[in-house]
N, C-alpha and C. Protein backbone atom coordinates (compact mmCIF):
# COMPACT_ATOMS: atom_id res chain seq x y z
N MET A 1 53.93 91.82 -23.07
CA MET A 1 53.51 91.55 -21.71
C MET A 1 54.63 91.94 -20.76
N GLY A 2 54.33 92.75 -19.80
CA GLY A 2 55.32 93.20 -18.83
C GLY A 2 55.41 92.27 -17.64
N ILE A 3 56.34 92.56 -16.76
CA ILE A 3 56.56 91.74 -15.57
C ILE A 3 55.32 91.73 -14.68
N LEU A 4 54.61 92.87 -14.60
CA LEU A 4 53.40 92.90 -13.77
C LEU A 4 52.32 91.99 -14.34
N ASP A 5 52.21 91.94 -15.68
CA ASP A 5 51.25 91.03 -16.31
C ASP A 5 51.62 89.58 -15.98
N PHE A 6 52.92 89.28 -16.10
CA PHE A 6 53.39 87.92 -15.84
C PHE A 6 53.07 87.50 -14.40
N LEU A 7 53.22 88.41 -13.48
CA LEU A 7 52.95 88.11 -12.07
C LEU A 7 51.46 88.15 -11.73
N GLY A 8 50.63 88.57 -12.68
CA GLY A 8 49.20 88.61 -12.44
C GLY A 8 48.69 89.93 -11.92
N PHE A 9 49.54 90.98 -11.94
CA PHE A 9 49.13 92.28 -11.43
C PHE A 9 48.91 93.30 -12.54
N GLY A 10 48.94 92.85 -13.78
CA GLY A 10 48.79 93.77 -14.91
C GLY A 10 47.34 94.14 -15.14
N ASN A 11 47.06 94.62 -16.31
CA ASN A 11 45.72 95.06 -16.66
C ASN A 11 44.86 93.86 -17.02
N LYS A 12 44.10 93.37 -16.05
CA LYS A 12 43.28 92.18 -16.24
C LYS A 12 42.20 92.40 -17.30
N SER A 13 41.66 93.60 -17.38
CA SER A 13 40.63 93.88 -18.39
C SER A 13 41.19 93.71 -19.79
N ALA A 14 42.42 94.16 -20.01
CA ALA A 14 43.05 94.02 -21.32
C ALA A 14 43.30 92.55 -21.63
N GLN A 15 43.74 91.78 -20.64
CA GLN A 15 43.97 90.35 -20.84
C GLN A 15 42.67 89.64 -21.18
N ILE A 16 41.61 89.98 -20.47
CA ILE A 16 40.31 89.35 -20.72
C ILE A 16 39.82 89.70 -22.12
N ALA A 17 39.98 90.95 -22.52
CA ALA A 17 39.57 91.36 -23.87
C ALA A 17 40.36 90.60 -24.93
N GLU A 18 41.65 90.43 -24.69
CA GLU A 18 42.49 89.69 -25.63
C GLU A 18 42.03 88.24 -25.75
N PHE A 19 41.74 87.61 -24.63
CA PHE A 19 41.27 86.23 -24.65
C PHE A 19 39.88 86.13 -25.27
N LYS A 20 39.03 87.12 -25.04
CA LYS A 20 37.70 87.13 -25.68
C LYS A 20 37.83 87.15 -27.20
N GLU A 21 38.78 87.94 -27.70
CA GLU A 21 39.01 88.02 -29.14
C GLU A 21 39.46 86.68 -29.70
N LYS A 22 40.09 85.87 -28.87
CA LYS A 22 40.55 84.54 -29.29
C LYS A 22 39.45 83.47 -29.10
N ASN A 23 38.23 83.92 -28.80
CA ASN A 23 37.10 83.01 -28.55
C ASN A 23 37.35 82.06 -27.39
N ALA A 24 37.93 82.58 -26.33
CA ALA A 24 38.21 81.77 -25.14
C ALA A 24 36.92 81.26 -24.53
N ILE A 25 37.03 80.11 -23.88
CA ILE A 25 35.91 79.58 -23.12
C ILE A 25 36.11 79.98 -21.66
N ILE A 26 35.02 80.10 -20.96
CA ILE A 26 35.08 80.43 -19.54
C ILE A 26 34.78 79.16 -18.77
N ILE A 27 35.71 78.80 -17.90
CA ILE A 27 35.52 77.64 -17.04
C ILE A 27 35.41 78.13 -15.60
N ASP A 28 34.26 77.85 -15.01
CA ASP A 28 33.98 78.21 -13.61
C ASP A 28 34.35 77.00 -12.77
N VAL A 29 35.30 77.16 -11.87
CA VAL A 29 35.82 76.02 -11.10
C VAL A 29 35.18 75.87 -9.71
N ARG A 30 34.07 76.56 -9.50
CA ARG A 30 33.35 76.40 -8.22
C ARG A 30 32.63 75.05 -8.21
N THR A 31 32.08 74.70 -7.07
CA THR A 31 31.31 73.46 -6.95
C THR A 31 30.04 73.55 -7.78
N TYR A 32 29.43 72.40 -8.05
CA TYR A 32 28.18 72.38 -8.81
C TYR A 32 27.10 73.21 -8.11
N GLU A 33 27.07 73.12 -6.78
CA GLU A 33 26.06 73.86 -6.02
C GLU A 33 26.27 75.37 -6.14
N GLU A 34 27.52 75.81 -6.03
CA GLU A 34 27.81 77.24 -6.17
C GLU A 34 27.43 77.73 -7.57
N PHE A 35 27.79 76.94 -8.57
CA PHE A 35 27.51 77.29 -9.97
C PHE A 35 25.99 77.43 -10.18
N ALA A 36 25.23 76.51 -9.59
CA ALA A 36 23.77 76.53 -9.74
C ALA A 36 23.17 77.80 -9.14
N GLY A 37 23.87 78.40 -8.17
CA GLY A 37 23.38 79.62 -7.53
C GLY A 37 23.60 80.89 -8.34
N GLY A 38 24.29 80.79 -9.46
CA GLY A 38 24.56 81.93 -10.32
C GLY A 38 25.88 81.75 -11.03
N HIS A 39 25.92 82.12 -12.32
CA HIS A 39 27.14 81.95 -13.11
C HIS A 39 27.07 82.78 -14.39
N ILE A 40 28.17 82.87 -15.09
CA ILE A 40 28.23 83.58 -16.37
C ILE A 40 27.58 82.71 -17.43
N GLN A 41 26.70 83.33 -18.21
CA GLN A 41 26.00 82.61 -19.27
C GLN A 41 27.02 81.96 -20.21
N ASN A 42 26.77 80.72 -20.58
CA ASN A 42 27.59 79.91 -21.49
C ASN A 42 28.93 79.47 -20.90
N SER A 43 29.15 79.72 -19.62
CA SER A 43 30.39 79.22 -18.99
C SER A 43 30.22 77.73 -18.71
N LYS A 44 31.35 77.04 -18.62
CA LYS A 44 31.35 75.62 -18.31
C LYS A 44 31.74 75.44 -16.85
N ASN A 45 31.07 74.53 -16.17
CA ASN A 45 31.37 74.28 -14.76
C ASN A 45 32.20 73.01 -14.64
N ILE A 46 33.47 73.19 -14.30
CA ILE A 46 34.36 72.06 -14.02
C ILE A 46 35.01 72.37 -12.67
N PRO A 47 34.47 71.79 -11.59
CA PRO A 47 35.01 72.08 -10.27
C PRO A 47 36.51 71.82 -10.17
N LEU A 48 37.20 72.63 -9.40
CA LEU A 48 38.64 72.51 -9.22
C LEU A 48 39.04 71.09 -8.83
N GLN A 49 38.23 70.45 -7.99
CA GLN A 49 38.57 69.12 -7.49
C GLN A 49 38.71 68.09 -8.60
N ILE A 50 38.07 68.31 -9.75
CA ILE A 50 38.13 67.32 -10.83
C ILE A 50 38.80 67.85 -12.10
N ILE A 51 39.32 69.08 -12.07
CA ILE A 51 39.82 69.68 -13.30
C ILE A 51 40.97 68.89 -13.93
N GLU A 52 41.84 68.31 -13.11
CA GLU A 52 42.95 67.53 -13.68
C GLU A 52 42.43 66.33 -14.46
N SER A 53 41.33 65.74 -14.03
CA SER A 53 40.78 64.58 -14.74
C SER A 53 40.08 64.99 -16.04
N LYS A 54 39.87 66.28 -16.25
CA LYS A 54 39.18 66.78 -17.45
C LYS A 54 40.14 67.46 -18.44
N ILE A 55 41.45 67.37 -18.21
CA ILE A 55 42.43 68.04 -19.08
C ILE A 55 42.25 67.64 -20.54
N SER A 56 42.09 66.34 -20.81
CA SER A 56 41.96 65.92 -22.22
C SER A 56 40.69 66.49 -22.85
N ASP A 57 39.61 66.57 -22.10
CA ASP A 57 38.36 67.16 -22.61
C ASP A 57 38.56 68.64 -22.90
N ILE A 58 39.26 69.33 -22.03
CA ILE A 58 39.49 70.77 -22.21
C ILE A 58 40.39 71.00 -23.42
N LYS A 59 41.41 70.16 -23.59
CA LYS A 59 42.29 70.28 -24.75
C LYS A 59 41.54 70.07 -26.06
N LYS A 60 40.56 69.18 -26.05
CA LYS A 60 39.76 68.90 -27.26
C LYS A 60 38.97 70.13 -27.71
N LEU A 61 38.66 71.04 -26.79
CA LEU A 61 37.93 72.26 -27.15
C LEU A 61 38.79 73.18 -28.01
N ASN A 62 40.12 73.02 -27.90
CA ASN A 62 41.09 73.76 -28.72
C ASN A 62 40.87 75.28 -28.65
N LYS A 63 40.65 75.77 -27.44
CA LYS A 63 40.44 77.21 -27.22
C LYS A 63 41.17 77.62 -25.95
N PRO A 64 41.58 78.88 -25.88
CA PRO A 64 42.14 79.35 -24.62
C PRO A 64 41.05 79.40 -23.54
N VAL A 65 41.47 79.46 -22.30
CA VAL A 65 40.54 79.38 -21.18
C VAL A 65 40.68 80.60 -20.28
N ILE A 66 39.53 81.10 -19.83
CA ILE A 66 39.48 82.08 -18.75
C ILE A 66 38.84 81.35 -17.58
N ALA A 67 39.60 81.18 -16.51
CA ALA A 67 39.09 80.48 -15.33
C ALA A 67 38.51 81.49 -14.34
N CYS A 68 37.43 81.11 -13.67
CA CYS A 68 36.84 81.97 -12.65
C CYS A 68 36.30 81.12 -11.51
N CYS A 69 36.03 81.77 -10.39
CA CYS A 69 35.46 81.09 -9.22
C CYS A 69 34.73 82.13 -8.38
N ARG A 70 34.71 81.97 -7.07
CA ARG A 70 34.04 82.94 -6.20
C ARG A 70 34.91 84.15 -5.92
N SER A 71 36.20 83.90 -5.64
CA SER A 71 37.08 85.01 -5.24
C SER A 71 38.32 85.18 -6.09
N GLY A 72 38.67 84.18 -6.87
CA GLY A 72 39.89 84.22 -7.68
C GLY A 72 40.96 83.27 -7.18
N ASN A 73 40.76 82.71 -5.99
CA ASN A 73 41.75 81.80 -5.41
C ASN A 73 41.75 80.45 -6.12
N ARG A 74 40.59 79.81 -6.19
CA ARG A 74 40.51 78.50 -6.86
C ARG A 74 40.81 78.62 -8.35
N SER A 75 40.36 79.71 -8.97
CA SER A 75 40.65 79.88 -10.41
C SER A 75 42.14 80.09 -10.63
N GLY A 76 42.84 80.67 -9.65
CA GLY A 76 44.29 80.79 -9.73
C GLY A 76 44.96 79.43 -9.70
N MET A 77 44.47 78.56 -8.84
CA MET A 77 45.01 77.19 -8.77
C MET A 77 44.71 76.45 -10.07
N ALA A 78 43.48 76.61 -10.57
CA ALA A 78 43.10 75.95 -11.83
C ALA A 78 43.96 76.45 -12.99
N THR A 79 44.24 77.76 -13.02
CA THR A 79 45.07 78.33 -14.07
C THR A 79 46.45 77.68 -14.07
N ARG A 80 47.03 77.51 -12.90
CA ARG A 80 48.35 76.87 -12.81
C ARG A 80 48.29 75.43 -13.33
N ILE A 81 47.24 74.70 -12.98
CA ILE A 81 47.09 73.31 -13.44
C ILE A 81 46.96 73.28 -14.96
N LEU A 82 46.12 74.14 -15.51
CA LEU A 82 45.89 74.16 -16.95
C LEU A 82 47.16 74.55 -17.71
N LYS A 83 47.85 75.57 -17.25
CA LYS A 83 49.09 76.00 -17.90
C LYS A 83 50.14 74.89 -17.85
N ARG A 84 50.23 74.22 -16.73
CA ARG A 84 51.19 73.12 -16.57
C ARG A 84 50.91 72.01 -17.58
N ASN A 85 49.66 71.92 -18.02
CA ASN A 85 49.26 70.90 -18.99
C ASN A 85 49.18 71.45 -20.42
N GLY A 86 49.77 72.62 -20.64
CA GLY A 86 49.87 73.16 -21.99
C GLY A 86 48.64 73.87 -22.52
N ILE A 87 47.75 74.28 -21.64
CA ILE A 87 46.53 74.99 -22.05
C ILE A 87 46.73 76.47 -21.80
N GLU A 88 46.49 77.28 -22.83
CA GLU A 88 46.58 78.74 -22.68
C GLU A 88 45.45 79.19 -21.77
N CYS A 89 45.78 79.85 -20.68
CA CYS A 89 44.78 80.15 -19.67
C CYS A 89 45.15 81.40 -18.87
N ILE A 90 44.13 82.13 -18.45
CA ILE A 90 44.32 83.23 -17.50
C ILE A 90 43.31 83.09 -16.37
N ASN A 91 43.65 83.69 -15.25
CA ASN A 91 42.76 83.72 -14.10
C ASN A 91 41.87 84.94 -14.24
N GLY A 92 40.58 84.70 -14.46
CA GLY A 92 39.63 85.80 -14.59
C GLY A 92 39.14 86.34 -13.26
N GLY A 93 39.54 85.68 -12.15
CA GLY A 93 39.12 86.13 -10.83
C GLY A 93 37.71 85.67 -10.48
N SER A 94 37.02 86.49 -9.73
CA SER A 94 35.65 86.11 -9.33
C SER A 94 34.73 86.16 -10.54
N TRP A 95 33.74 85.27 -10.55
CA TRP A 95 32.86 85.21 -11.71
C TRP A 95 32.07 86.50 -11.87
N GLN A 96 31.71 87.15 -10.77
CA GLN A 96 30.93 88.38 -10.87
C GLN A 96 31.79 89.51 -11.42
N SER A 97 33.03 89.60 -10.99
CA SER A 97 33.95 90.62 -11.51
C SER A 97 34.22 90.36 -12.99
N LEU A 98 34.45 89.10 -13.33
CA LEU A 98 34.69 88.74 -14.73
C LEU A 98 33.49 89.09 -15.59
N GLN A 99 32.30 88.79 -15.12
CA GLN A 99 31.09 89.08 -15.88
C GLN A 99 31.00 90.57 -16.22
N SER A 100 31.41 91.41 -15.29
CA SER A 100 31.34 92.87 -15.53
C SER A 100 32.38 93.32 -16.57
N LYS A 101 33.39 92.52 -16.82
CA LYS A 101 34.44 92.86 -17.79
C LYS A 101 34.16 92.30 -19.18
N LEU A 102 33.14 91.45 -19.30
CA LEU A 102 32.87 90.80 -20.58
C LEU A 102 32.07 91.66 -21.50
């Protein structure tokens, strides 16, 4: 992993493919209403506002996480929270962009 990858500017498609190979779960951190309006099939909806309260549940899944949202901003915040709590995670960006890379 190079410095650009570390800073989040590397090849996101390669990172997503790597996480897919590890059977990562996709967590969509948008609101329940946003999620109901469209989402990636089999993704889990855990809104950013409550993600810290769900850390133990996420850890029990024992899988890396690809976080997504509408634009990549909230999923970036969620990624930092998850990493801080010892969960392997990447920011997948917007759910629609992520869906096209899956």
